[in-house]
Amino acid sequence: MFTLDEVDSGELAVDPSPRVPEDSRRSRKKQDTRNRLVAAADELFDRQGYDKTTTLDIAEAADVAQRTLFRHFPSKEALLYAELDDARFVLRDALHAQPDDVPALTAIRAAMAELGDRIVANRERRLLEARLAATTPAVSGYFRAVVQAGWERELIVAVAQRLDVDPMQDPRPEVLAGAAMSACRIATRQWTVSEGTADYVALADRALEAIAELADLA
């Protein structure tokens, strides 16, 4: 059985905000601190703007030391995208819930629909993230290199397990995962242009449907 780490070119994948197990008092305390940091960041981003908010501001608002903040989040970008980064667990669970006998792309479309619901649940935050990504290289870079890369690794592992292949030897899982992420980016761009009024899940599903249609070009 391969893991996310193995998919990441044989190197240990960096997880900037791992899901904390809830089976101990220490774990619950860590999760509580993380939640307070995210809540403090959200309030400050809304009140004084992302650019004017520092990690020190966030730490003080959450009543923790700045070094504690950095133990949970390596950067301000990680705090901005904390919700979407955690959405990979929604994607993972949705992929695992798909029947074994459905085609890989069908499973991805169903799982991505659940991810899409999570993405647009906080419409104003998603639009803020999109605006910042369009104007701030560090924000767009973090989204691509960490958030979307995390989603893509989940897809690679799930597809490889479904096809019973080694993703380091068989290119299909990574190719399909990469195409799915392209579909996600297209849907996000279309949804953002609509100022969040379009149906994101429908946009994403139509973009994913195009992957199957590409077979006609072969």
C-alpha atoms as a PDB file:
ATOM      1  CA  MET A   1       0.000   0.000   0.000  1.00  0.00           C
ATOM      2  CA  PHE A   2       1.419   3.370  -1.034  1.00  0.00           C
ATOM      3  CA  THR A   3       1.031   6.569   0.954  1.00  0.00           C
ATOM      4  CA  LEU A   4       0.883  10.279   0.310  1.00  0.00           C
ATOM      5  CA  ASP A   5       4.560  10.521   1.220  1.00  0.00           C
ATOM      6  CA  GLU A   6       5.502   7.976  -1.429  1.00  0.00           C
ATOM      7  CA  VAL A   7       3.451   9.836  -4.020  1.00  0.00           C
ATOM      8  CA  ASP A   8       5.372  13.022  -3.263  1.00  0.00           C
ATOM      9  CA  SER A   9       8.317  11.941  -5.417  1.00  0.00           C
ATOM     10  CA  GLY A  10       9.643   9.702  -2.693  1.00  0.00           C
ATOM     11  CA  GLU A  11      10.062  12.588  -0.270  1.00  0.00           C
ATOM     12  CA  LEU A  12       8.222  13.335   2.922  1.00  0.00           C
ATOM     13  CA  ALA A  13       5.233  15.541   2.148  1.00  0.00           C
ATOM     14  CA  VAL A  14       5.037  18.633   4.344  1.00  0.00           C
ATOM     15  CA  ASP A  15       1.679  18.932   6.082  1.00  0.00           C
ATOM     16  CA  PRO A  16       1.412  22.513   7.399  1.00  0.00           C
ATOM     17  CA  SER A  17      -1.791  21.976   9.361  1.00  0.00           C
ATOM     18  CA  PRO A  18      -2.397  18.294  10.041  1.00  0.00           C
ATOM     19  CA  ARG A  19      -5.710  17.021  11.314  1.00  0.00           C
ATOM     20  CA  VAL A  20      -5.226  16.445  15.018  1.00  0.00           C
ATOM     21  CA  PRO A  21      -6.503  13.170  16.513  1.00  0.00           C
ATOM     22  CA  GLU A  22      -9.125  13.688  19.185  1.00  0.00           C
ATOM     23  CA  ASP A  23      -8.173  10.808  21.449  1.00  0.00           C
ATOM     24  CA  SER A  24      -6.245  12.637  24.155  1.00  0.00           C
ATOM     25  CA  ARG A  25      -6.393  15.761  26.295  1.00  0.00           C
ATOM     26  CA  ARG A  26      -3.143  17.023  24.746  1.00  0.00           C
ATOM     27  CA  SER A  27      -4.526  16.569  21.232  1.00  0.00           C
ATOM     28  CA  ARG A  28      -7.728  18.375  22.120  1.00  0.00           C
ATOM     29  CA  LYS A  29      -5.685  21.242  23.563  1.00  0.00           C
ATOM     30  CA  LYS A  30      -3.677  21.480  20.328  1.00  0.00           C
ATOM     31  CA  GLN A  31      -6.843  21.515  18.277  1.00  0.00           C
ATOM     32  CA  ASP A  32      -8.351  24.197  20.517  1.00  0.00           C
ATOM     33  CA  THR A  33      -5.264  26.387  20.079  1.00  0.00           C
ATOM     34  CA  ARG A  34      -5.375  25.888  16.334  1.00  0.00           C
ATOM     35  CA  ASN A  35      -9.067  26.797  16.231  1.00  0.00           C
ATOM     36  CA  ARG A  36      -8.435  29.986  18.237  1.00  0.00           C
ATOM     37  CA  LEU A  37      -5.646  31.002  15.872  1.00  0.00           C
ATOM     38  CA  VAL A  38      -7.849  30.481  12.828  1.00  0.00           C
ATOM     39  CA  ALA A  39     -10.718  32.398  14.429  1.00  0.00           C
ATOM     40  CA  ALA A  40      -8.406  35.268  15.404  1.00  0.00           C
ATOM     41  CA  ALA A  41      -6.947  35.414  11.898  1.00  0.00           C
ATOM     42  CA  ASP A  42     -10.405  35.435  10.327  1.00  0.00           C
ATOM     43  CA  GLU A  43     -11.556  38.292  12.558  1.00  0.00           C
ATOM     44  CA  LEU A  44      -8.445  40.380  11.882  1.00  0.00           C
ATOM     45  CA  PHE A  45      -8.481  39.736   8.128  1.00  0.00           C
ATOM     46  CA  ASP A  46     -12.101  40.889   8.040  1.00  0.00           C
ATOM     47  CA  ARG A  47     -11.571  43.915  10.293  1.00  0.00           C
ATOM     48  CA  GLN A  48      -8.242  45.367   9.190  1.00  0.00           C
ATOM     49  CA  GLY A  49      -7.425  43.529   5.981  1.00  0.00           C
ATOM     50  CA  TYR A  50      -5.029  40.733   5.129  1.00  0.00           C
ATOM     51  CA  ASP A  51      -2.066  42.926   4.198  1.00  0.00           C
ATOM     52  CA  LYS A  52      -2.194  44.939   7.415  1.00  0.00           C
ATOM     53  CA  THR A  53      -2.471  41.894   9.648  1.00  0.00           C
ATOM     54  CA  THR A  54       0.736  40.364  10.985  1.00  0.00           C
ATOM     55  CA  THR A  55       1.329  36.974  12.545  1.00  0.00           C
ATOM     56  CA  LEU A  56       2.130  38.807  15.792  1.00  0.00           C
ATOM     57  CA  ASP A  57      -1.300  40.478  15.654  1.00  0.00           C
ATOM     58  CA  ILE A  58      -2.922  37.079  15.212  1.00  0.00           C
ATOM     59  CA  ALA A  59      -0.952  35.463  18.030  1.00  0.00           C
ATOM     60  CA  GLU A  60      -1.813  38.269  20.434  1.00  0.00           C
ATOM     61  CA  ALA A  61      -5.504  38.135  19.496  1.00  0.00           C
ATOM     62  CA  ALA A  62      -5.500  34.388  20.150  1.00  0.00           C
ATOM     63  CA  ASP A  63      -3.599  34.939  23.431  1.00  0.00           C
ATOM     64  CA  VAL A  64      -0.660  32.744  22.468  1.00  0.00           C
ATOM     65  CA  ALA A  65       3.017  33.371  21.798  1.00  0.00           C
ATOM     66  CA  GLN A  66       4.080  33.953  18.217  1.00  0.00           C
ATOM     67  CA  ARG A  67       6.265  30.828  18.376  1.00  0.00           C
ATOM     68  CA  THR A  68       3.130  28.860  19.271  1.00  0.00           C
ATOM     69  CA  LEU A  69       1.444  30.183  16.143  1.00  0.00           C
ATOM     70  CA  PHE A  70       4.374  29.006  14.035  1.00  0.00           C
ATOM     71  CA  ARG A  71       4.168  25.529  15.563  1.00  0.00           C
ATOM     72  CA  HIS A  72       0.696  25.254  14.069  1.00  0.00           C
ATOM     73  CA  PHE A  73       1.026  27.384  10.932  1.00  0.00           C
ATOM     74  CA  PRO A  74       4.274  28.129   9.096  1.00  0.00           C
ATOM     75  CA  SER A  75       3.005  31.385   7.583  1.00  0.00           C
ATOM     76  CA  LYS A  76       0.172  33.877   7.344  1.00  0.00           C
ATOM     77  CA  GLU A  77      -0.823  32.223   4.066  1.00  0.00           C
ATOM     78  CA  ALA A  78      -1.330  28.946   5.914  1.00  0.00           C
ATOM     79  CA  LEU A  79      -3.774  30.698   8.239  1.00  0.00           C
ATOM     80  CA  LEU A  80      -5.600  32.289   5.322  1.00  0.00           C
ATOM     81  CA  TYR A  81      -6.066  28.898   3.686  1.00  0.00           C
ATOM     82  CA  ALA A  82      -6.566  26.831   6.845  1.00  0.00           C
ATOM     83  CA  GLU A  83     -10.142  25.952   5.937  1.00  0.00           C
ATOM     84  CA  LEU A  84      -9.357  24.918   2.368  1.00  0.00           C
ATOM     85  CA  ASP A  85      -6.267  23.029   3.457  1.00  0.00           C
ATOM     86  CA  ASP A  86      -8.397  20.994   5.853  1.00  0.00           C
ATOM     87  CA  ALA A  87     -10.869  20.380   3.029  1.00  0.00           C
ATOM     88  CA  ARG A  88      -8.510  17.694   1.753  1.00  0.00           C
ATOM     89  CA  PHE A  89      -9.848  15.474   4.519  1.00  0.00           C
ATOM     90  CA  VAL A  90     -13.355  15.980   3.115  1.00  0.00           C
ATOM     91  CA  LEU A  91     -11.996  14.966  -0.280  1.00  0.00           C
ATOM     92  CA  ARG A  92     -10.196  11.943   1.178  1.00  0.00           C
ATOM     93  CA  ASP A  93     -13.292  10.684   2.981  1.00  0.00           C
ATOM     94  CA  ALA A  94     -15.485  11.289  -0.071  1.00  0.00           C
ATOM     95  CA  LEU A  95     -13.091   9.347  -2.302  1.00  0.00           C
ATOM     96  CA  HIS A  96     -12.974   6.440   0.117  1.00  0.00           C
ATOM     97  CA  ALA A  97     -16.789   6.393   0.272  1.00  0.00           C
ATOM     98  CA  GLN A  98     -17.183   5.789  -3.474  1.00  0.00           C
ATOM     99  CA  PRO A  99     -18.190   2.255  -4.539  1.00  0.00           C
ATOM    100  CA  ASP A 100     -15.323   0.086  -5.727  1.00  0.00           C
ATOM    101  CA  ASP A 101     -17.054  -0.774  -8.997  1.00  0.00           C
ATOM    102  CA  VAL A 102     -17.451   2.777 -10.349  1.00  0.00           C
ATOM    103  CA  PRO A 103     -14.881   4.169 -12.811  1.00  0.00           C
ATOM    104  CA  ALA A 104     -12.143   6.344 -11.369  1.00  0.00           C
ATOM    105  CA  LEU A 105     -13.384   9.523 -13.048  1.00  0.00           C
ATOM    106  CA  THR A 106     -16.929   8.909 -11.799  1.00  0.00           C
ATOM    107  CA  ALA A 107     -15.578   8.534  -8.257  1.00  0.00           C
ATOM    108  CA  ILE A 108     -13.588  11.751  -8.635  1.00  0.00           C
ATOM    109  CA  ARG A 109     -16.626  13.684  -9.893  1.00  0.00           C
ATOM    110  CA  ALA A 110     -18.702  12.567  -6.915  1.00  0.00           C
ATOM    111  CA  ALA A 111     -15.925  13.348  -4.433  1.00  0.00           C
ATOM    112  CA  MET A 112     -15.173  16.722  -6.024  1.00  0.00           C
ATOM    113  CA  ALA A 113     -18.853  17.642  -5.695  1.00  0.00           C
ATOM    114  CA  GLU A 114     -18.522  17.235  -1.924  1.00  0.00           C
ATOM    115  CA  LEU A 115     -15.321  19.262  -1.961  1.00  0.00           C
ATOM    116  CA  GLY A 116     -17.103  21.917  -4.028  1.00  0.00           C
ATOM    117  CA  ASP A 117     -19.842  22.232  -1.431  1.00  0.00           C
ATOM    118  CA  ARG A 118     -17.148  22.821   1.201  1.00  0.00           C
ATOM    119  CA  ILE A 119     -15.348  25.348  -0.973  1.00  0.00           C
ATOM    120  CA  VAL A 120     -18.340  27.629  -1.521  1.00  0.00           C
ATOM    121  CA  ALA A 121     -19.833  27.276   1.967  1.00  0.00           C
ATOM    122  CA  ASN A 122     -17.857  30.385   2.956  1.00  0.00           C
ATOM    123  CA  ARG A 123     -18.454  32.514  -0.152  1.00  0.00           C
ATOM    124  CA  GLU A 124     -16.926  35.772   1.078  1.00  0.00           C
ATOM    125  CA  ARG A 125     -13.737  34.081   2.266  1.00  0.00           C
ATOM    126  CA  ARG A 126     -13.332  32.303  -1.074  1.00  0.00           C
ATOM    127  CA  LEU A 127     -13.714  35.593  -2.944  1.00  0.00           C
ATOM    128  CA  LEU A 128     -11.180  37.248  -0.618  1.00  0.00           C
ATOM    129  CA  GLU A 129      -8.726  34.403  -1.233  1.00  0.00           C
ATOM    130  CA  ALA A 130      -9.227  34.730  -4.982  1.00  0.00           C
ATOM    131  CA  ARG A 131      -8.634  38.489  -4.916  1.00  0.00           C
ATOM    132  CA  LEU A 132      -5.489  38.086  -2.820  1.00  0.00           C
ATOM    133  CA  ALA A 133      -4.202  35.270  -5.010  1.00  0.00           C
ATOM    134  CA  ALA A 134      -4.602  37.517  -8.055  1.00  0.00           C
ATOM    135  CA  THR A 135      -2.501  40.284  -6.525  1.00  0.00           C
ATOM    136  CA  THR A 136      -0.155  38.631  -4.009  1.00  0.00           C
ATOM    137  CA  PRO A 137       2.379  36.101  -5.327  1.00  0.00           C
ATOM    138  CA  ALA A 138       2.949  34.553  -1.898  1.00  0.00           C
ATOM    139  CA  VAL A 139      -0.758  33.817  -1.569  1.00  0.00           C
ATOM    140  CA  SER A 140      -1.175  32.312  -5.027  1.00  0.00           C
ATOM    141  CA  GLY A 141       2.050  30.363  -4.586  1.00  0.00           C
ATOM    142  CA  TYR A 142       0.898  28.886  -1.290  1.00  0.00           C
ATOM    143  CA  PHE A 143      -2.459  27.881  -2.753  1.00  0.00           C
ATOM    144  CA  ARG A 144      -0.843  26.049  -5.665  1.00  0.00           C
ATOM    145  CA  ALA A 145       2.107  24.530  -3.821  1.00  0.00           C
ATOM    146  CA  VAL A 146       0.332  23.470  -0.641  1.00  0.00           C
ATOM    147  CA  VAL A 147      -3.466  23.478  -0.867  1.00  0.00           C
ATOM    148  CA  GLN A 148      -3.998  22.237  -4.407  1.00  0.00           C
ATOM    149  CA  ALA A 149      -0.952  19.973  -4.191  1.00  0.00           C
ATOM    150  CA  GLY A 150      -2.499  18.383  -1.109  1.00  0.00           C
ATOM    151  CA  TRP A 151      -5.770  17.785  -2.932  1.00  0.00           C
ATOM    152  CA  GLU A 152      -3.905  16.364  -5.903  1.00  0.00           C
ATOM    153  CA  ARG A 153      -1.979  13.899  -3.740  1.00  0.00           C
ATOM    154  CA  GLU A 154      -5.260  12.673  -2.276  1.00  0.00           C
ATOM    155  CA  LEU A 155      -6.554  12.059  -5.795  1.00  0.00           C
ATOM    156  CA  ILE A 156      -3.384  10.282  -6.905  1.00  0.00           C
ATOM    157  CA  VAL A 157      -3.479   7.872  -3.982  1.00  0.00           C
ATOM    158  CA  ALA A 158      -7.208   7.180  -4.372  1.00  0.00           C
ATOM    159  CA  VAL A 159      -6.969   6.557  -8.121  1.00  0.00           C
ATOM    160  CA  ALA A 160      -3.888   4.367  -7.734  1.00  0.00           C
ATOM    161  CA  GLN A 161      -5.652   2.265  -5.106  1.00  0.00           C
ATOM    162  CA  ARG A 162      -8.753   2.015  -7.281  1.00  0.00           C
ATOM    163  CA  LEU A 163      -6.691   0.886 -10.285  1.00  0.00           C
ATOM    164  CA  ASP A 164      -4.428  -1.246  -8.081  1.00  0.00           C
ATOM    165  CA  VAL A 165      -1.293   0.248  -9.571  1.00  0.00           C
ATOM    166  CA  ASP A 166       1.895   1.844  -8.285  1.00  0.00           C
ATOM    167  CA  PRO A 167       1.631   5.591  -9.032  1.00  0.00           C
ATOM    168  CA  MET A 168       5.407   5.795  -9.246  1.00  0.00           C
ATOM    169  CA  GLN A 169       5.331   3.363 -12.173  1.00  0.00           C
ATOM    170  CA  ASP A 170       1.929   3.919 -13.775  1.00  0.00           C
ATOM    171  CA  PRO A 171       1.324   7.518 -14.935  1.00  0.00           C
ATOM    172  CA  ARG A 172      -2.474   7.313 -15.060  1.00  0.00           C
ATOM    173  CA  PRO A 173      -3.230   8.282 -11.432  1.00  0.00           C
ATOM    174  CA  GLU A 174      -1.122  11.444 -11.590  1.00  0.00           C
ATOM    175  CA  VAL A 175      -2.350  12.358 -15.072  1.00  0.00           C
ATOM    176  CA  LEU A 176      -5.987  12.007 -14.017  1.00  0.00           C
ATOM    177  CA  ALA A 177      -5.382  13.866 -10.743  1.00  0.00           C
ATOM    178  CA  GLY A 178      -3.633  16.686 -12.588  1.00  0.00           C
ATOM    179  CA  ALA A 179      -6.504  16.958 -15.050  1.00  0.00           C
ATOM    180  CA  ALA A 180      -8.984  17.060 -12.174  1.00  0.00           C
ATOM    181  CA  MET A 181      -7.056  19.897 -10.549  1.00  0.00           C
ATOM    182  CA  SER A 182      -7.080  21.773 -13.849  1.00  0.00           C
ATOM    183  CA  ALA A 183     -10.844  21.341 -13.927  1.00  0.00           C
ATOM    184  CA  CYS A 184     -11.020  22.693 -10.382  1.00  0.00           C
ATOM    185  CA  ARG A 185      -8.962  25.751 -11.331  1.00  0.00           C
ATOM    186  CA  ILE A 186     -11.195  26.432 -14.344  1.00  0.00           C
ATOM    187  CA  ALA A 187     -14.338  26.177 -12.216  1.00  0.00           C
ATOM    188  CA  THR A 188     -12.824  28.416  -9.545  1.00  0.00           C
ATOM    189  CA  ARG A 189     -11.905  31.043 -12.116  1.00  0.00           C
ATOM    190  CA  GLN A 190     -15.398  30.985 -13.646  1.00  0.00           C
ATOM    191  CA  TRP A 191     -17.037  31.119 -10.223  1.00  0.00           C
ATOM    192  CA  THR A 192     -14.840  34.023  -9.138  1.00  0.00           C
ATOM    193  CA  VAL A 193     -15.621  36.005 -12.288  1.00  0.00           C
ATOM    194  CA  SER A 194     -19.308  35.568 -11.468  1.00  0.00           C
ATOM    195  CA  GLU A 195     -18.610  37.062  -7.987  1.00  0.00           C
ATOM    196  CA  GLY A 196     -19.743  33.790  -6.459  1.00  0.00           C
ATOM    197  CA  THR A 197     -23.201  33.795  -8.045  1.00  0.00           C
ATOM    198  CA  ALA A 198     -22.633  30.825 -10.359  1.00  0.00           C
ATOM    199  CA  ASP A 199     -23.140  27.214  -9.258  1.00  0.00           C
ATOM    200  CA  TYR A 200     -19.595  26.141  -8.404  1.00  0.00           C
ATOM    201  CA  VAL A 201     -20.384  22.438  -8.184  1.00  0.00           C
ATOM    202  CA  ALA A 202     -22.031  22.502 -11.624  1.00  0.00           C
ATOM    203  CA  LEU A 203     -19.069  24.387 -13.089  1.00  0.00           C
ATOM    204  CA  ALA A 204     -16.618  21.894 -11.630  1.00  0.00           C
ATOM    205  CA  ASP A 205     -18.621  18.902 -12.795  1.00  0.00           C
ATOM    206  CA  ARG A 206     -18.804  20.278 -16.329  1.00  0.00           C
ATOM    207  CA  ALA A 207     -15.053  20.823 -16.350  1.00  0.00           C
ATOM    208  CA  LEU A 208     -14.481  17.286 -15.040  1.00  0.00           C
ATOM    209  CA  GLU A 209     -16.823  15.914 -17.687  1.00  0.00           C
ATOM    210  CA  ALA A 210     -14.540  17.445 -20.305  1.00  0.00           C
ATOM    211  CA  ILE A 211     -11.774  15.077 -19.193  1.00  0.00           C
ATOM    212  CA  ALA A 212     -13.739  12.091 -20.520  1.00  0.00           C
ATOM    213  CA  GLU A 213     -14.544  13.997 -23.693  1.00  0.00           C
ATOM    214  CA  LEU A 214     -10.832  14.449 -24.351  1.00  0.00           C
ATOM    215  CA  ALA A 215     -10.681  10.739 -25.175  1.00  0.00           C
ATOM    216  CA  ASP A 216     -12.446  11.587 -28.438  1.00  0.00           C
ATOM    217  CA  LEU A 217      -9.317  13.500 -29.477  1.00  0.00           C
ATOM    218  CA  ALA A 218      -7.120  10.402 -29.248  1.00  0.00           C
END
